[in-house]
Amino acid sequence: ALIGVFEAAVEAGWAQFNPARGIKLEDGSYNATEEEVETGPIEKLPVDMVRKIIETARTQEAVIGNTPWCDSLALSFLAQTGLRFGELAALKWKFVDFKKKRVFVRAAVRKDKNGTAVGGPKNSGSNRRRTPKSRRSVFLTNELVAELKEWKLRSPKSGDDDRVFL
């Protein structure tokens, strides 16, 4: 379905190429337990592959034009800070300290029985308690600080209580 959506976008002139073309679907079955997932080895992407993914997102933003998107910044932010996706999705501007070059992780978005909810970061295991290091501050590189400042200036939502990544 995704390949078809992108093909339609290319035909309509909304995209220059179909990024989903050539993607092969994997077996959808998943037999690992939650504990195995949390304690198992973490697969790492090569740095050059991460750079290509970010650059592809940046290229797509240029195609979109004047619409304020920040996908490449979000990907770069995740790669450089190690935040979980839910933590990134819940990050508000008031938790970005440009002077000290830090972000303060205080919340995370996660799925629940009613859809999505915002709560404390990294609820662990079946007891749903926060892990000791879940609320933390994370260092930002000078490059990331500059990109965040630029994004804040052009973002349609830049108040203290607005989310950084729309």
N, C-alpha and C. Protein backbone atom coordinates (compact mmCIF):
# COMPACT_ATOMS: atom_id res chain seq x y z
N ALA A 1 0.83 -1.20 0.00
CA ALA A 1 0.00 0.00 0.00
C ALA A 1 0.87 1.26 0.00
N LEU A 2 1.94 1.24 0.81
CA LEU A 2 2.82 2.41 0.88
C LEU A 2 3.49 2.67 -0.46
N ILE A 3 3.91 1.61 -1.14
CA ILE A 3 4.53 1.77 -2.46
C ILE A 3 3.55 2.44 -3.41
N GLY A 4 2.28 2.01 -3.36
CA GLY A 4 1.26 2.59 -4.22
C GLY A 4 1.00 4.05 -3.92
N VAL A 5 1.00 4.42 -2.64
CA VAL A 5 0.80 5.81 -2.25
C VAL A 5 1.91 6.68 -2.81
N PHE A 6 3.16 6.21 -2.66
CA PHE A 6 4.29 6.99 -3.17
C PHE A 6 4.28 7.06 -4.70
N GLU A 7 3.87 5.97 -5.37
CA GLU A 7 3.79 6.00 -6.83
C GLU A 7 2.77 7.05 -7.28
N ALA A 8 1.64 7.12 -6.57
CA ALA A 8 0.63 8.13 -6.90
C ALA A 8 1.18 9.53 -6.69
N ALA A 9 1.97 9.71 -5.63
CA ALA A 9 2.58 11.02 -5.37
C ALA A 9 3.55 11.41 -6.47
N VAL A 10 4.32 10.46 -6.97
CA VAL A 10 5.26 10.73 -8.06
C VAL A 10 4.49 11.11 -9.32
N GLU A 11 3.44 10.33 -9.63
CA GLU A 11 2.63 10.61 -10.82
C GLU A 11 1.96 11.98 -10.74
N ALA A 12 1.56 12.39 -9.54
CA ALA A 12 0.90 13.69 -9.36
C ALA A 12 1.91 14.84 -9.32
N GLY A 13 3.20 14.51 -9.28
CA GLY A 13 4.22 15.54 -9.24
C GLY A 13 4.52 16.05 -7.84
N TRP A 14 4.04 15.36 -6.80
CA TRP A 14 4.26 15.78 -5.43
C TRP A 14 5.59 15.28 -4.89
N ALA A 15 6.17 14.28 -5.54
CA ALA A 15 7.46 13.72 -5.12
C ALA A 15 8.26 13.42 -6.36
N GLN A 16 9.58 13.48 -6.24
CA GLN A 16 10.45 13.21 -7.39
C GLN A 16 10.73 11.73 -7.56
N PHE A 17 10.67 10.97 -6.47
CA PHE A 17 10.93 9.54 -6.55
C PHE A 17 10.17 8.81 -5.46
N ASN A 18 10.09 7.50 -5.60
CA ASN A 18 9.37 6.67 -4.65
C ASN A 18 10.37 6.01 -3.69
N PRO A 19 10.47 6.51 -2.44
CA PRO A 19 11.45 5.94 -1.50
C PRO A 19 11.09 4.53 -1.04
N ALA A 20 9.84 4.11 -1.28
CA ALA A 20 9.42 2.77 -0.86
C ALA A 20 9.68 1.71 -1.93
N ARG A 21 10.03 2.13 -3.15
CA ARG A 21 10.27 1.18 -4.22
C ARG A 21 11.48 0.31 -3.86
N GLY A 22 11.34 -0.96 -4.04
CA GLY A 22 12.44 -1.89 -3.78
C GLY A 22 12.48 -2.41 -2.36
N ILE A 23 11.59 -1.93 -1.49
CA ILE A 23 11.56 -2.43 -0.12
C ILE A 23 10.86 -3.78 -0.12
N LYS A 24 11.46 -4.74 0.53
CA LYS A 24 10.88 -6.08 0.62
C LYS A 24 10.27 -6.26 2.00
N LEU A 25 9.07 -6.79 2.04
CA LEU A 25 8.39 -7.04 3.31
C LEU A 25 9.00 -8.24 4.01
N GLU A 26 9.14 -8.14 5.32
CA GLU A 26 9.65 -9.25 6.12
C GLU A 26 8.47 -10.02 6.70
N ASP A 27 8.76 -11.20 7.19
CA ASP A 27 7.75 -11.99 7.88
C ASP A 27 7.24 -11.18 9.06
N GLY A 28 5.94 -11.03 9.20
CA GLY A 28 5.36 -10.21 10.25
C GLY A 28 5.33 -10.86 11.62
N SER A 29 5.65 -12.16 11.68
CA SER A 29 5.59 -12.82 12.99
C SER A 29 6.76 -12.39 13.86
N TYR A 30 6.48 -12.27 15.14
CA TYR A 30 7.50 -11.81 16.08
C TYR A 30 7.35 -12.64 17.34
N ASN A 31 8.36 -13.46 17.62
CA ASN A 31 8.22 -14.43 18.69
C ASN A 31 8.99 -14.09 19.96
N ALA A 32 9.65 -12.96 20.02
CA ALA A 32 10.44 -12.61 21.21
C ALA A 32 9.52 -12.08 22.30
N THR A 33 9.88 -12.36 23.53
CA THR A 33 9.13 -11.80 24.66
C THR A 33 9.60 -10.37 24.90
N GLU A 34 8.83 -9.60 25.67
CA GLU A 34 9.20 -8.22 25.99
C GLU A 34 10.55 -8.18 26.70
N GLU A 35 10.78 -9.13 27.60
CA GLU A 35 12.06 -9.17 28.32
C GLU A 35 13.22 -9.44 27.38
N GLU A 36 13.04 -10.34 26.41
CA GLU A 36 14.09 -10.62 25.44
C GLU A 36 14.41 -9.40 24.59
N VAL A 37 13.37 -8.65 24.26
CA VAL A 37 13.57 -7.43 23.46
C VAL A 37 14.35 -6.40 24.26
N GLU A 38 13.98 -6.20 25.53
CA GLU A 38 14.62 -5.17 26.36
C GLU A 38 16.05 -5.52 26.73
N THR A 39 16.37 -6.80 26.86
CA THR A 39 17.71 -7.18 27.30
C THR A 39 18.58 -7.71 26.17
N GLY A 40 18.00 -7.90 24.99
CA GLY A 40 18.75 -8.45 23.86
C GLY A 40 19.73 -7.45 23.28
N PRO A 41 20.56 -7.92 22.34
CA PRO A 41 21.55 -7.03 21.73
C PRO A 41 20.88 -5.96 20.87
N ILE A 42 21.48 -4.80 20.84
CA ILE A 42 20.97 -3.68 20.05
C ILE A 42 21.69 -3.70 18.71
N GLU A 43 20.91 -3.71 17.63
CA GLU A 43 21.50 -3.66 16.30
C GLU A 43 21.86 -2.21 15.99
N LYS A 44 23.07 -2.00 15.52
CA LYS A 44 23.52 -0.65 15.21
C LYS A 44 23.62 -0.48 13.70
N LEU A 45 23.15 0.66 13.22
CA LEU A 45 23.29 0.99 11.81
C LEU A 45 24.65 1.63 11.60
N PRO A 46 25.30 1.33 10.48
CA PRO A 46 26.56 2.02 10.17
C PRO A 46 26.32 3.53 10.04
N VAL A 47 27.29 4.32 10.46
CA VAL A 47 27.17 5.78 10.44
C VAL A 47 26.85 6.29 9.04
N ASP A 48 27.49 5.73 8.01
CA ASP A 48 27.23 6.21 6.66
C ASP A 48 25.78 5.95 6.24
N MET A 49 25.17 4.88 6.73
CA MET A 49 23.78 4.60 6.41
C MET A 49 22.87 5.61 7.12
N VAL A 50 23.19 5.94 8.36
CA VAL A 50 22.41 6.94 9.09
C VAL A 50 22.49 8.28 8.37
N ARG A 51 23.68 8.65 7.92
CA ARG A 51 23.85 9.91 7.17
C ARG A 51 23.01 9.91 5.90
N LYS A 52 22.97 8.78 5.19
CA LYS A 52 22.18 8.69 3.95
C LYS A 52 20.69 8.83 4.24
N ILE A 53 20.23 8.23 5.32
CA ILE A 53 18.82 8.33 5.69
C ILE A 53 18.47 9.79 6.00
N ILE A 54 19.32 10.47 6.77
CA ILE A 54 19.07 11.87 7.12
C ILE A 54 19.11 12.74 5.87
N GLU A 55 20.06 12.49 4.98
CA GLU A 55 20.17 13.27 3.76
C GLU A 55 18.97 13.05 2.85
N THR A 56 18.45 11.83 2.80
CA THR A 56 17.25 11.55 2.01
C THR A 56 16.07 12.33 2.57
N ALA A 57 15.93 12.37 3.88
CA ALA A 57 14.86 13.15 4.51
C ALA A 57 15.03 14.63 4.18
N ARG A 58 16.26 15.13 4.21
CA ARG A 58 16.53 16.54 3.90
C ARG A 58 16.16 16.85 2.45
N THR A 59 16.46 15.92 1.56
CA THR A 59 16.12 16.09 0.14
C THR A 59 14.61 16.17 -0.04
N GLN A 60 13.88 15.30 0.66
CA GLN A 60 12.42 15.31 0.56
C GLN A 60 11.83 16.60 1.11
N GLU A 61 12.43 17.15 2.15
CA GLU A 61 11.96 18.43 2.69
C GLU A 61 12.10 19.53 1.65
N ALA A 62 13.18 19.50 0.87
CA ALA A 62 13.40 20.50 -0.17
C ALA A 62 12.34 20.36 -1.26
N VAL A 63 11.91 19.13 -1.56
CA VAL A 63 10.89 18.90 -2.57
C VAL A 63 9.55 19.46 -2.10
N ILE A 64 9.26 19.33 -0.80
CA ILE A 64 7.99 19.79 -0.24
C ILE A 64 7.87 21.31 -0.36
N GLY A 65 8.99 22.01 -0.26
CA GLY A 65 8.98 23.45 -0.46
C GLY A 65 8.79 24.25 0.81
N ASN A 66 7.81 25.14 0.80
CA ASN A 66 7.62 26.07 1.90
C ASN A 66 6.98 25.46 3.15
N THR A 67 6.48 24.26 3.06
CA THR A 67 5.86 23.64 4.23
C THR A 67 6.93 23.37 5.28
N PRO A 68 6.70 23.81 6.52
CA PRO A 68 7.74 23.65 7.54
C PRO A 68 7.83 22.21 8.08
N TRP A 69 8.68 21.41 7.51
CA TRP A 69 8.91 20.05 7.97
C TRP A 69 10.26 19.98 8.67
N CYS A 70 10.43 18.99 9.50
CA CYS A 70 11.69 18.86 10.23
C CYS A 70 12.11 17.40 10.38
N ASP A 71 11.74 16.55 9.42
CA ASP A 71 12.05 15.13 9.52
C ASP A 71 13.54 14.86 9.62
N SER A 72 14.34 15.55 8.80
CA SER A 72 15.78 15.29 8.84
C SER A 72 16.37 15.71 10.18
N LEU A 73 15.87 16.81 10.75
CA LEU A 73 16.34 17.24 12.06
C LEU A 73 15.94 16.22 13.13
N ALA A 74 14.72 15.70 13.05
CA ALA A 74 14.27 14.70 14.02
C ALA A 74 15.15 13.45 13.94
N LEU A 75 15.46 13.01 12.73
CA LEU A 75 16.33 11.83 12.57
C LEU A 75 17.73 12.10 13.09
N SER A 76 18.27 13.27 12.76
CA SER A 76 19.60 13.65 13.24
C SER A 76 19.61 13.75 14.77
N PHE A 77 18.55 14.32 15.32
CA PHE A 77 18.41 14.47 16.76
C PHE A 77 18.42 13.09 17.44
N LEU A 78 17.62 12.16 16.91
CA LEU A 78 17.58 10.80 17.47
C LEU A 78 18.95 10.14 17.41
N ALA A 79 19.61 10.27 16.26
CA ALA A 79 20.91 9.62 16.08
C ALA A 79 21.97 10.19 17.02
N GLN A 80 21.93 11.51 17.25
CA GLN A 80 22.96 12.14 18.06
C GLN A 80 22.70 12.10 19.56
N THR A 81 21.42 12.00 19.96
CA THR A 81 21.11 12.04 21.39
C THR A 81 20.80 10.69 21.99
N GLY A 82 20.37 9.74 21.18
CA GLY A 82 20.00 8.44 21.71
C GLY A 82 18.64 8.41 22.38
N LEU A 83 17.84 9.47 22.24
CA LEU A 83 16.50 9.46 22.80
C LEU A 83 15.66 8.39 22.10
N ARG A 84 14.69 7.87 22.81
CA ARG A 84 13.72 6.95 22.23
C ARG A 84 12.72 7.79 21.45
N PHE A 85 12.04 7.14 20.48
CA PHE A 85 11.09 7.88 19.66
C PHE A 85 10.01 8.54 20.50
N GLY A 86 9.47 7.83 21.48
CA GLY A 86 8.42 8.38 22.34
C GLY A 86 8.89 9.61 23.11
N GLU A 87 10.18 9.60 23.51
CA GLU A 87 10.74 10.76 24.22
C GLU A 87 10.87 11.95 23.28
N LEU A 88 11.26 11.68 22.04
CA LEU A 88 11.36 12.73 21.03
C LEU A 88 9.98 13.32 20.76
N ALA A 89 8.98 12.46 20.62
CA ALA A 89 7.62 12.90 20.31
C ALA A 89 7.03 13.77 21.42
N ALA A 90 7.45 13.55 22.67
CA ALA A 90 6.90 14.30 23.80
C ALA A 90 7.72 15.54 24.15
N LEU A 91 8.88 15.72 23.52
CA LEU A 91 9.78 16.83 23.89
C LEU A 91 9.15 18.19 23.61
N LYS A 92 9.12 19.04 24.62
CA LYS A 92 8.60 20.40 24.49
C LYS A 92 9.76 21.40 24.50
N TRP A 93 9.51 22.56 23.91
CA TRP A 93 10.54 23.59 23.83
C TRP A 93 11.05 24.00 25.20
N LYS A 94 10.21 23.98 26.22
CA LYS A 94 10.66 24.41 27.55
C LYS A 94 11.72 23.47 28.13
N PHE A 95 11.88 22.30 27.56
CA PHE A 95 12.90 21.37 28.04
C PHE A 95 14.17 21.39 27.18
N VAL A 96 14.28 22.38 26.31
CA VAL A 96 15.49 22.57 25.51
C VAL A 96 16.23 23.77 26.09
N ASP A 97 17.45 23.56 26.56
CA ASP A 97 18.26 24.64 27.12
C ASP A 97 19.38 24.95 26.13
N PHE A 98 19.17 26.00 25.33
CA PHE A 98 20.14 26.36 24.30
C PHE A 98 21.47 26.81 24.91
N LYS A 99 21.42 27.53 26.02
CA LYS A 99 22.65 28.05 26.62
C LYS A 99 23.53 26.92 27.16
N LYS A 100 22.92 25.96 27.84
CA LYS A 100 23.70 24.85 28.41
C LYS A 100 23.85 23.67 27.44
N LYS A 101 23.25 23.81 26.25
CA LYS A 101 23.32 22.80 25.21
C LYS A 101 22.81 21.44 25.72
N ARG A 102 21.62 21.44 26.27
CA ARG A 102 21.04 20.22 26.83
C ARG A 102 19.54 20.17 26.56
N VAL A 103 19.02 18.95 26.51
CA VAL A 103 17.58 18.75 26.57
C VAL A 103 17.30 17.93 27.81
N PHE A 104 16.17 18.20 28.41
CA PHE A 104 15.78 17.49 29.62
C PHE A 104 14.64 16.53 29.27
N VAL A 105 14.89 15.25 29.42
CA VAL A 105 13.90 14.22 29.09
C VAL A 105 12.99 14.07 30.30
N ARG A 106 11.74 14.46 30.14
CA ARG A 106 10.79 14.43 31.24
C ARG A 106 9.52 13.65 30.93
N ALA A 107 9.30 13.31 29.64
CA ALA A 107 8.07 12.63 29.26
C ALA A 107 8.31 11.77 28.03
N ALA A 108 7.35 10.90 27.76
CA ALA A 108 7.38 10.07 26.56
C ALA A 108 5.95 9.79 26.12
N VAL A 109 5.77 9.69 24.81
CA VAL A 109 4.48 9.30 24.25
C VAL A 109 4.53 7.79 24.06
N ARG A 110 3.45 7.12 24.43
CA ARG A 110 3.39 5.67 24.23
C ARG A 110 1.95 5.26 23.91
N LYS A 111 1.82 4.08 23.32
CA LYS A 111 0.49 3.55 23.04
C LYS A 111 -0.10 2.98 24.31
N ASP A 112 -1.41 3.18 24.45
CA ASP A 112 -2.14 2.53 25.53
C ASP A 112 -3.47 2.04 24.98
N LYS A 113 -4.32 1.52 25.83
CA LYS A 113 -5.58 0.94 25.36
C LYS A 113 -6.51 1.96 24.71
N ASN A 114 -6.32 3.25 25.00
CA ASN A 114 -7.16 4.30 24.42
C ASN A 114 -6.52 5.00 23.23
N GLY A 115 -5.38 4.56 22.79
CA GLY A 115 -4.67 5.19 21.68
C GLY A 115 -3.26 5.54 22.09
N THR A 116 -3.01 6.81 22.35
CA THR A 116 -1.69 7.24 22.82
C THR A 116 -1.84 8.05 24.09
N ALA A 117 -0.79 8.06 24.88
CA ALA A 117 -0.78 8.81 26.14
C ALA A 117 0.62 9.34 26.38
N VAL A 118 0.70 10.43 27.11
CA VAL A 118 1.99 10.98 27.50
C VAL A 118 2.18 10.69 28.98
N GLY A 119 3.36 10.16 29.31
CA GLY A 119 3.67 9.86 30.71
C GLY A 119 5.15 10.04 30.94
N GLY A 120 5.62 9.55 32.06
CA GLY A 120 7.04 9.60 32.35
C GLY A 120 7.81 8.76 31.35
N PRO A 121 9.08 9.07 31.11
CA PRO A 121 9.86 8.30 30.14
C PRO A 121 10.16 6.89 30.64
N LYS A 122 10.31 5.97 29.70
CA LYS A 122 10.75 4.59 29.90
C LYS A 122 10.13 3.90 31.09
N ASN A 123 8.88 3.53 30.94
CA ASN A 123 8.29 2.62 31.91
C ASN A 123 8.83 1.24 31.58
N SER A 124 9.34 0.56 32.55
CA SER A 124 10.07 -0.67 32.33
C SER A 124 9.27 -1.89 32.77
N GLY A 125 9.21 -2.89 31.91
CA GLY A 125 8.65 -4.18 32.28
C GLY A 125 7.18 -4.13 32.65
N SER A 126 6.70 -5.19 33.26
CA SER A 126 5.28 -5.28 33.58
C SER A 126 4.91 -4.44 34.80
N ASN A 127 5.90 -4.05 35.63
CA ASN A 127 5.55 -3.25 36.81
C ASN A 127 5.35 -1.78 36.47
N ARG A 128 5.66 -1.36 35.25
CA ARG A 128 5.43 -0.01 34.75
C ARG A 128 6.03 1.10 35.59
N ARG A 129 7.14 0.85 36.24
CA ARG A 129 7.83 1.91 36.99
C ARG A 129 8.93 2.49 36.12
N ARG A 130 9.25 3.74 36.38
CA ARG A 130 10.34 4.37 35.65
C ARG A 130 11.66 3.77 36.07
N THR A 131 12.58 3.66 35.11
CA THR A 131 13.92 3.22 35.44
C THR A 131 14.67 4.41 36.02
N PRO A 132 15.70 4.18 36.82
CA PRO A 132 16.40 5.28 37.50
C PRO A 132 16.94 6.37 36.58
N LYS A 133 17.35 6.00 35.38
CA LYS A 133 17.96 6.99 34.48
C LYS A 133 17.00 7.50 33.42
N SER A 134 15.71 7.23 33.56
CA SER A 134 14.77 7.63 32.52
C SER A 134 14.59 9.15 32.44
N ARG A 135 14.51 9.84 33.58
CA ARG A 135 14.46 11.31 33.60
C ARG A 135 15.91 11.78 33.64
N ARG A 136 16.33 12.48 32.59
CA ARG A 136 17.75 12.81 32.48
C ARG A 136 17.93 14.03 31.59
N SER A 137 19.15 14.56 31.59
CA SER A 137 19.49 15.61 30.63
C SER A 137 20.47 15.00 29.64
N VAL A 138 20.36 15.44 28.40
CA VAL A 138 21.17 14.89 27.32
C VAL A 138 21.89 16.04 26.62
N PHE A 139 23.18 15.87 26.40
CA PHE A 139 24.03 16.88 25.76
C PHE A 139 23.66 17.05 24.29
N LEU A 140 23.73 18.28 23.81
CA LEU A 140 23.51 18.60 22.41
C LEU A 140 24.80 19.13 21.79
N THR A 141 25.10 18.72 20.58
CA THR A 141 26.26 19.25 19.88
C THR A 141 25.96 20.68 19.43
N ASN A 142 27.01 21.43 19.12
CA ASN A 142 26.84 22.80 18.62
C ASN A 142 25.98 22.80 17.35
N GLU A 143 26.22 21.83 16.48
CA GLU A 143 25.48 21.72 15.22
C GLU A 143 23.99 21.50 15.50
N LEU A 144 23.68 20.63 16.43
CA LEU A 144 22.29 20.34 16.77
C LEU A 144 21.61 21.55 17.41
N VAL A 145 22.34 22.27 18.25
CA VAL A 145 21.80 23.50 18.86
C VAL A 145 21.45 24.50 17.75
N ALA A 146 22.35 24.69 16.79
CA ALA A 146 22.11 25.64 15.70
C ALA A 146 20.89 25.21 14.87
N GLU A 147 20.77 23.93 14.57
CA GLU A 147 19.63 23.44 13.79
C GLU A 147 18.32 23.59 14.56
N LEU A 148 18.36 23.33 15.86
CA LEU A 148 17.16 23.49 16.68
C LEU A 148 16.73 24.95 16.75
N LYS A 149 17.69 25.87 16.88
CA LYS A 149 17.36 27.30 16.89
C LYS A 149 16.71 27.71 15.58
N GLU A 150 17.28 27.24 14.47
CA GLU A 150 16.71 27.55 13.15
C GLU A 150 15.31 26.98 13.04
N TRP A 151 15.11 25.74 13.49
CA TRP A 151 13.79 25.11 13.42
C TRP A 151 12.78 25.88 14.28
N LYS A 152 13.20 26.33 15.45
CA LYS A 152 12.28 27.05 16.33
C LYS A 152 11.80 28.34 15.67
N LEU A 153 12.68 29.00 14.92
CA LEU A 153 12.32 30.24 14.23
C LEU A 153 11.28 30.00 13.14
N ARG A 154 11.35 28.88 12.44
CA ARG A 154 10.43 28.65 11.32
C ARG A 154 9.29 27.69 11.66
N SER A 155 9.31 27.10 12.84
CA SER A 155 8.26 26.17 13.24
C SER A 155 6.95 26.92 13.48
N PRO A 156 5.83 26.35 13.05
CA PRO A 156 4.55 26.99 13.34
C PRO A 156 4.17 26.90 14.82
N LYS A 157 4.85 26.06 15.56
CA LYS A 157 4.60 25.90 17.00
C LYS A 157 5.93 26.06 17.73
N SER A 158 6.13 27.19 18.42
CA SER A 158 7.41 27.40 19.08
C SER A 158 7.28 27.97 20.49
N GLY A 159 6.09 27.84 21.08
CA GLY A 159 5.90 28.27 22.46
C GLY A 159 6.49 27.24 23.42
N ASP A 160 6.71 27.65 24.66
CA ASP A 160 7.32 26.77 25.65
C ASP A 160 6.60 25.43 25.80
N ASP A 161 5.28 25.44 25.73
CA ASP A 161 4.51 24.21 25.91
C ASP A 161 4.23 23.46 24.61
N ASP A 162 4.76 23.97 23.49
CA ASP A 162 4.59 23.28 22.20
C ASP A 162 5.64 22.18 22.06
N ARG A 163 5.30 21.17 21.34
CA ARG A 163 6.24 20.08 21.08
C ARG A 163 7.26 20.53 20.03
N VAL A 164 8.49 20.12 20.21
CA VAL A 164 9.57 20.50 19.29
C VAL A 164 9.34 19.90 17.92
N PHE A 165 9.01 18.61 17.89
CA PHE A 165 8.82 17.90 16.62
C PHE A 165 7.35 17.62 16.40
N LEU A 166 6.80 18.23 15.36
CA LEU A 166 5.36 18.16 15.10
C LEU A 166 4.97 16.79 14.58
